[in-house]
Amino acid sequence: RGKTTLLQRLSRVSARKIRSEHVSTKGVAVVEWTLSRKDRGKEPIHFLTYDFAGQVDYYSTHQCFLSDHSLYLIVWKVTHTEDIPALKRWLLDVKARAPGSPVII
């Protein structure tokens, strides 16, 4: 459970549409979803999310998807202190490719 589970909960997209449970992301999974607004006359909010694979083999492809005008949500298991170098790498990549974009860890 991690990034994909969080995406499922936020988007209310079924696990089958994203992928089977307990299967690691391969490359990048792109999911488009809409959040309806309860206020009358308000337009729905459309999201396009990229769920990146966390394996080292895919790191070089991540930078191709980073851009300005995006919100970055970096999911990290705080008990895995050995992952701190990878977290720093992600933050540096976002800073280099999308300076000024908001990041939530």
N, C-alpha and C. Protein backbone atom coordinates (compact mmCIF):
# COMPACT_ATOMS: atom_id res chain seq x y z
N ARG A 1 0.85 -1.19 0.00
CA ARG A 1 0.00 0.00 0.00
C ARG A 1 0.88 1.23 0.00
N GLY A 2 0.53 2.19 -0.83
CA GLY A 2 1.35 3.39 -0.92
C GLY A 2 0.72 4.40 -1.86
N LYS A 3 1.52 4.81 -2.86
CA LYS A 3 1.08 5.86 -3.79
C LYS A 3 -0.22 5.47 -4.50
N THR A 4 -0.27 4.27 -5.00
CA THR A 4 -1.44 3.85 -5.78
C THR A 4 -2.69 3.79 -4.92
N THR A 5 -2.56 3.32 -3.69
CA THR A 5 -3.70 3.28 -2.78
C THR A 5 -4.20 4.68 -2.48
N LEU A 6 -3.29 5.62 -2.25
CA LEU A 6 -3.67 7.00 -2.01
C LEU A 6 -4.40 7.58 -3.23
N LEU A 7 -3.89 7.31 -4.41
CA LEU A 7 -4.53 7.79 -5.63
C LEU A 7 -5.94 7.21 -5.76
N GLN A 8 -6.11 5.94 -5.46
CA GLN A 8 -7.44 5.31 -5.51
C GLN A 8 -8.40 6.02 -4.56
N ARG A 9 -7.96 6.33 -3.36
CA ARG A 9 -8.83 6.98 -2.37
C ARG A 9 -9.18 8.40 -2.79
N LEU A 10 -8.20 9.15 -3.27
CA LEU A 10 -8.46 10.53 -3.69
C LEU A 10 -9.40 10.60 -4.88
N SER A 11 -9.19 9.74 -5.83
CA SER A 11 -9.94 9.80 -7.09
C SER A 11 -11.23 9.00 -7.06
N ARG A 12 -11.35 8.13 -6.07
CA ARG A 12 -12.49 7.22 -5.98
C ARG A 12 -12.59 6.33 -7.21
N VAL A 13 -11.44 6.08 -7.85
CA VAL A 13 -11.35 5.19 -9.00
C VAL A 13 -11.13 3.79 -8.45
N SER A 14 -11.79 2.82 -9.04
CA SER A 14 -11.65 1.45 -8.54
C SER A 14 -10.24 0.93 -8.74
N ALA A 15 -9.85 0.00 -7.91
CA ALA A 15 -8.52 -0.60 -7.99
C ALA A 15 -8.30 -1.25 -9.34
N ARG A 16 -9.34 -1.85 -9.90
CA ARG A 16 -9.19 -2.52 -11.20
C ARG A 16 -8.84 -1.53 -12.30
N LYS A 17 -9.42 -0.33 -12.24
CA LYS A 17 -9.15 0.66 -13.29
C LYS A 17 -7.71 1.12 -13.23
N ILE A 18 -7.15 1.26 -12.03
CA ILE A 18 -5.75 1.68 -11.90
C ILE A 18 -4.84 0.48 -12.13
N ARG A 19 -5.03 -0.57 -11.34
CA ARG A 19 -4.33 -1.84 -11.51
C ARG A 19 -4.68 -2.71 -10.34
N SER A 20 -4.35 -3.97 -10.41
CA SER A 20 -4.64 -4.90 -9.32
C SER A 20 -3.91 -4.49 -8.06
N GLU A 21 -4.49 -4.82 -6.90
CA GLU A 21 -3.85 -4.51 -5.63
C GLU A 21 -2.55 -5.27 -5.49
N HIS A 22 -1.63 -4.68 -4.76
CA HIS A 22 -0.35 -5.30 -4.41
C HIS A 22 0.55 -5.58 -5.61
N VAL A 23 0.34 -4.89 -6.71
CA VAL A 23 1.21 -5.01 -7.87
C VAL A 23 1.95 -3.70 -8.01
N SER A 24 3.27 -3.76 -8.10
CA SER A 24 4.07 -2.54 -8.22
C SER A 24 3.82 -1.86 -9.56
N THR A 25 3.86 -0.54 -9.53
CA THR A 25 3.72 0.24 -10.76
C THR A 25 4.92 -0.05 -11.65
N LYS A 26 4.67 -0.22 -12.93
CA LYS A 26 5.73 -0.39 -13.93
C LYS A 26 5.75 0.87 -14.78
N GLY A 27 6.85 1.61 -14.73
CA GLY A 27 6.96 2.84 -15.51
C GLY A 27 6.15 3.95 -14.88
N VAL A 28 5.05 4.30 -15.54
CA VAL A 28 4.16 5.34 -15.02
C VAL A 28 2.72 4.95 -15.37
N ALA A 29 1.83 5.11 -14.41
CA ALA A 29 0.40 4.87 -14.64
C ALA A 29 -0.28 6.23 -14.67
N VAL A 30 -0.98 6.53 -15.76
CA VAL A 30 -1.66 7.81 -15.92
C VAL A 30 -3.16 7.59 -15.68
N VAL A 31 -3.72 8.38 -14.77
CA VAL A 31 -5.14 8.26 -14.44
C VAL A 31 -5.76 9.65 -14.51
N GLU A 32 -6.87 9.73 -15.24
CA GLU A 32 -7.61 10.99 -15.36
C GLU A 32 -8.90 10.84 -14.56
N TRP A 33 -9.24 11.86 -13.76
CA TRP A 33 -10.46 11.80 -12.98
C TRP A 33 -10.99 13.20 -12.72
N THR A 34 -12.27 13.26 -12.34
CA THR A 34 -12.96 14.53 -12.14
C THR A 34 -13.57 14.57 -10.76
N LEU A 35 -13.44 15.71 -10.12
CA LEU A 35 -14.04 15.94 -8.80
C LEU A 35 -15.21 16.89 -8.99
N SER A 36 -16.41 16.39 -8.71
CA SER A 36 -17.60 17.24 -8.82
C SER A 36 -17.63 18.21 -7.66
N ARG A 37 -18.15 19.41 -7.92
CA ARG A 37 -18.26 20.43 -6.88
C ARG A 37 -19.72 20.56 -6.49
N LYS A 38 -19.96 20.67 -5.21
CA LYS A 38 -21.33 20.73 -4.71
C LYS A 38 -21.95 22.11 -4.86
N ASP A 39 -21.10 23.13 -4.99
CA ASP A 39 -21.61 24.50 -5.15
C ASP A 39 -22.29 24.62 -6.51
N ARG A 40 -23.46 25.20 -6.51
CA ARG A 40 -24.17 25.39 -7.77
C ARG A 40 -23.38 26.31 -8.70
N GLY A 41 -23.33 25.95 -9.96
CA GLY A 41 -22.68 26.78 -10.94
C GLY A 41 -21.16 26.65 -10.98
N LYS A 42 -20.59 25.87 -10.10
CA LYS A 42 -19.13 25.69 -10.08
C LYS A 42 -18.76 24.56 -11.02
N GLU A 43 -17.74 24.80 -11.81
CA GLU A 43 -17.25 23.78 -12.73
C GLU A 43 -16.55 22.67 -11.96
N PRO A 44 -16.63 21.43 -12.43
CA PRO A 44 -15.88 20.35 -11.79
C PRO A 44 -14.39 20.56 -11.98
N ILE A 45 -13.60 19.95 -11.13
CA ILE A 45 -12.14 20.05 -11.22
C ILE A 45 -11.62 18.77 -11.88
N HIS A 46 -10.83 18.94 -12.94
CA HIS A 46 -10.30 17.79 -13.67
C HIS A 46 -8.84 17.56 -13.26
N PHE A 47 -8.50 16.30 -13.00
CA PHE A 47 -7.15 15.92 -12.60
C PHE A 47 -6.57 14.94 -13.61
N LEU A 48 -5.29 15.08 -13.83
CA LEU A 48 -4.52 14.12 -14.60
C LEU A 48 -3.35 13.74 -13.70
N THR A 49 -3.34 12.51 -13.22
CA THR A 49 -2.33 12.10 -12.24
C THR A 49 -1.36 11.10 -12.86
N TYR A 50 -0.12 11.20 -12.42
CA TYR A 50 0.93 10.30 -12.87
C TYR A 50 1.45 9.56 -11.65
N ASP A 51 1.29 8.25 -11.64
CA ASP A 51 1.76 7.40 -10.56
C ASP A 51 3.06 6.76 -11.04
N PHE A 52 4.19 7.30 -10.57
CA PHE A 52 5.50 6.83 -11.02
C PHE A 52 5.94 5.58 -10.28
N ALA A 53 6.57 4.68 -11.00
CA ALA A 53 7.19 3.51 -10.39
C ALA A 53 8.33 3.98 -9.50
N GLY A 54 8.48 3.34 -8.35
CA GLY A 54 9.52 3.74 -7.42
C GLY A 54 10.84 3.01 -7.60
N GLN A 55 10.87 2.02 -8.48
CA GLN A 55 12.09 1.24 -8.66
C GLN A 55 13.16 2.06 -9.38
N VAL A 56 14.41 1.82 -9.00
CA VAL A 56 15.56 2.55 -9.56
C VAL A 56 15.59 2.47 -11.09
N ASP A 57 15.18 1.37 -11.66
CA ASP A 57 15.22 1.19 -13.12
C ASP A 57 14.42 2.25 -13.87
N TYR A 58 13.45 2.86 -13.22
CA TYR A 58 12.57 3.81 -13.89
C TYR A 58 12.92 5.27 -13.64
N TYR A 59 13.90 5.55 -12.79
CA TYR A 59 14.22 6.92 -12.41
C TYR A 59 14.47 7.83 -13.62
N SER A 60 15.17 7.34 -14.61
CA SER A 60 15.54 8.20 -15.74
C SER A 60 14.32 8.66 -16.55
N THR A 61 13.23 7.92 -16.50
CA THR A 61 12.03 8.32 -17.26
C THR A 61 11.19 9.37 -16.53
N HIS A 62 11.32 9.46 -15.21
CA HIS A 62 10.48 10.37 -14.43
C HIS A 62 10.61 11.82 -14.88
N GLN A 63 11.83 12.25 -15.17
CA GLN A 63 12.05 13.65 -15.52
C GLN A 63 11.30 14.07 -16.78
N CYS A 64 10.95 13.13 -17.63
CA CYS A 64 10.20 13.45 -18.85
C CYS A 64 8.78 13.94 -18.55
N PHE A 65 8.29 13.64 -17.36
CA PHE A 65 6.92 13.99 -17.00
C PHE A 65 6.81 15.19 -16.06
N LEU A 66 7.93 15.72 -15.62
CA LEU A 66 7.91 16.85 -14.69
C LEU A 66 7.74 18.15 -15.45
N SER A 67 6.83 19.00 -14.98
CA SER A 67 6.59 20.28 -15.66
C SER A 67 6.06 21.31 -14.67
N ASP A 68 6.14 22.57 -15.07
CA ASP A 68 5.56 23.64 -14.27
C ASP A 68 4.04 23.48 -14.23
N HIS A 69 3.40 24.24 -13.41
CA HIS A 69 1.93 24.24 -13.29
C HIS A 69 1.40 22.89 -12.83
N SER A 70 2.17 22.25 -11.96
CA SER A 70 1.78 20.96 -11.41
C SER A 70 1.93 20.99 -9.90
N LEU A 71 1.19 20.14 -9.24
CA LEU A 71 1.33 19.93 -7.81
C LEU A 71 1.98 18.56 -7.65
N TYR A 72 3.05 18.50 -6.89
CA TYR A 72 3.77 17.25 -6.69
C TYR A 72 3.49 16.71 -5.29
N LEU A 73 3.01 15.49 -5.26
CA LEU A 73 2.74 14.79 -4.02
C LEU A 73 3.72 13.64 -3.94
N ILE A 74 4.67 13.74 -3.02
CA ILE A 74 5.70 12.71 -2.89
C ILE A 74 5.35 11.86 -1.68
N VAL A 75 5.11 10.57 -1.93
CA VAL A 75 4.72 9.65 -0.88
C VAL A 75 5.96 8.87 -0.43
N TRP A 76 6.16 8.88 0.88
CA TRP A 76 7.36 8.27 1.45
C TRP A 76 7.00 7.64 2.78
N LYS A 77 7.45 6.44 3.01
CA LYS A 77 7.21 5.75 4.28
C LYS A 77 8.30 6.18 5.26
N VAL A 78 7.93 6.97 6.25
CA VAL A 78 8.91 7.60 7.14
C VAL A 78 9.75 6.60 7.93
N THR A 79 9.28 5.38 8.07
CA THR A 79 10.08 4.38 8.79
C THR A 79 11.21 3.82 7.93
N HIS A 80 11.20 4.12 6.64
CA HIS A 80 12.25 3.65 5.73
C HIS A 80 13.31 4.75 5.56
N THR A 81 14.13 4.93 6.57
CA THR A 81 15.14 5.99 6.52
C THR A 81 16.16 5.75 5.41
N GLU A 82 16.29 4.52 4.96
CA GLU A 82 17.23 4.24 3.87
C GLU A 82 16.78 4.85 2.55
N ASP A 83 15.53 5.30 2.49
CA ASP A 83 14.99 5.91 1.27
C ASP A 83 15.20 7.42 1.21
N ILE A 84 15.81 8.00 2.22
CA ILE A 84 16.02 9.46 2.25
C ILE A 84 16.82 9.95 1.04
N PRO A 85 17.89 9.26 0.61
CA PRO A 85 18.59 9.74 -0.60
C PRO A 85 17.68 9.80 -1.83
N ALA A 86 16.78 8.84 -1.98
CA ALA A 86 15.85 8.85 -3.11
C ALA A 86 14.86 10.00 -2.98
N LEU A 87 14.43 10.29 -1.77
CA LEU A 87 13.53 11.42 -1.54
C LEU A 87 14.22 12.73 -1.93
N LYS A 88 15.48 12.87 -1.52
CA LYS A 88 16.24 14.08 -1.89
C LYS A 88 16.38 14.19 -3.40
N ARG A 89 16.63 13.07 -4.08
CA ARG A 89 16.76 13.07 -5.53
C ARG A 89 15.48 13.56 -6.18
N TRP A 90 14.32 13.07 -5.69
CA TRP A 90 13.03 13.51 -6.22
C TRP A 90 12.86 15.01 -6.07
N LEU A 91 13.17 15.51 -4.88
CA LEU A 91 13.00 16.94 -4.62
C LEU A 91 13.91 17.78 -5.51
N LEU A 92 15.14 17.32 -5.73
CA LEU A 92 16.06 18.03 -6.62
C LEU A 92 15.56 17.99 -8.07
N ASP A 93 15.02 16.84 -8.49
CA ASP A 93 14.48 16.73 -9.85
C ASP A 93 13.32 17.69 -10.06
N VAL A 94 12.41 17.75 -9.10
CA VAL A 94 11.27 18.66 -9.22
C VAL A 94 11.76 20.10 -9.24
N LYS A 95 12.69 20.42 -8.37
CA LYS A 95 13.23 21.80 -8.32
C LYS A 95 13.88 22.18 -9.65
N ALA A 96 14.59 21.24 -10.27
CA ALA A 96 15.28 21.52 -11.53
C ALA A 96 14.31 21.61 -12.71
N ARG A 97 13.32 20.74 -12.75
CA ARG A 97 12.42 20.66 -13.91
C ARG A 97 11.16 21.52 -13.78
N ALA A 98 10.76 21.78 -12.53
CA ALA A 98 9.52 22.53 -12.31
C ALA A 98 9.70 23.50 -11.15
N PRO A 99 10.64 24.44 -11.30
CA PRO A 99 10.90 25.37 -10.20
C PRO A 99 9.66 26.18 -9.84
N GLY A 100 9.43 26.31 -8.55
CA GLY A 100 8.28 27.07 -8.09
C GLY A 100 7.00 26.26 -7.95
N SER A 101 7.01 25.03 -8.41
CA SER A 101 5.81 24.19 -8.27
C SER A 101 5.67 23.72 -6.82
N PRO A 102 4.45 23.67 -6.32
CA PRO A 102 4.27 23.22 -4.94
C PRO A 102 4.55 21.72 -4.80
N VAL A 103 5.12 21.36 -3.65
CA VAL A 103 5.44 19.96 -3.35
C VAL A 103 4.88 19.63 -1.98
N ILE A 104 4.17 18.52 -1.90
CA ILE A 104 3.66 17.99 -0.63
C ILE A 104 4.35 16.65 -0.39
N ILE A 105 4.94 16.51 0.81
CA ILE A 105 5.60 15.25 1.14
C ILE A 105 4.76 14.53 2.18
